[in-house]
């Protein structure tokens, strides 16, 4: 990998990140009843409920504190203030309702979302790779035909529909798994067996429903494997008398899985954003539920902070895929500046 390629990809990633954050900031500010107005309404509602009167100057101070913005400043000044607080001070503002820093809320919720999302993605893609390879080896067989129909059906089914069905059959009718939460009541938190079992028990259905997303890659793996099976180097390997297991793993599997690498990295980029609906269905308190609740009450600091984190994860994952693909497939790096 050349130095120019590295600098170019990193520059594109940084530009994409800043452009996305800038566009979202401008759209938020241009929306009717933007962040400052939403916070004023919250303060006024609390004031009416308590019967106390807050000085208007104090209200503006609170608006600036929670949003990192001067509400009466021009939008370019607000943009500079917000970006400075985010990138120089790592301050995403404070939630309008929890009276807690957005960074604290995200740091508390992100590990739980990563738990279910990463496991679901690994299970889904592993199953897809194995199933796709078997389908290719048994091309045009009954197993291949039935598996293709099943995979197409699963790929066409939204993961939240699968989640609802799982809750109905495994939680409501049979009570094998809980309907919500991330840890059972009364379970002592810590590095102990009971706590770990409770976490796995509550995360099983969300992981299972989200893993349906990855099964669609089985058809991609099948197509790649079928294409590889017709290559000349496989015939040479057979003539050399190599074992079928070695041909399947080192020749077919390794080359067929390469085109899925970028798709896998993009899947990593979506592990947080794809959890919004699943966590709402399973009442799983992760960052997805945090974003959903913020949308419901127009909690702009939380929404903006979550978007920055989602964008950062997406850009970094795609950048890693770009920079490492040449190591995974040497044929790409051999292209020099034309890759």
Foldseek 3Di string as FASTA:
>chain_A
DDPVLLVVLVVVLVVVLVVVLVVVLVVQVPDVCHQLNLLLVLVVVVCVVVVHDDDPVVSQVVSCQQQQARVPDDPVRRVVSQVCCCPVVVFLGAWSPPRGGLVVLQVVFAVLLCVLLVLLLVVLQVVLLVLLLVLLVVDPDPSVVVLVVVLVVLQPDQLVVQLVVCCVPDPVPPNVAHLAEQFDPPDDDDPDDNRVVRNCRLSVSLSNSSSSNSNNCSNQLNVLLNVQVPDPVLVVCVVVVDDPVCCSVVRRSLRSCLVCLLVSLQSQLCSNVVCLSSCVRSVYRHLSVVCVVCVVSVRPSNVSVVVSVSSVSNSVSNSCCSVCSCVSPVVVVVVPPPD
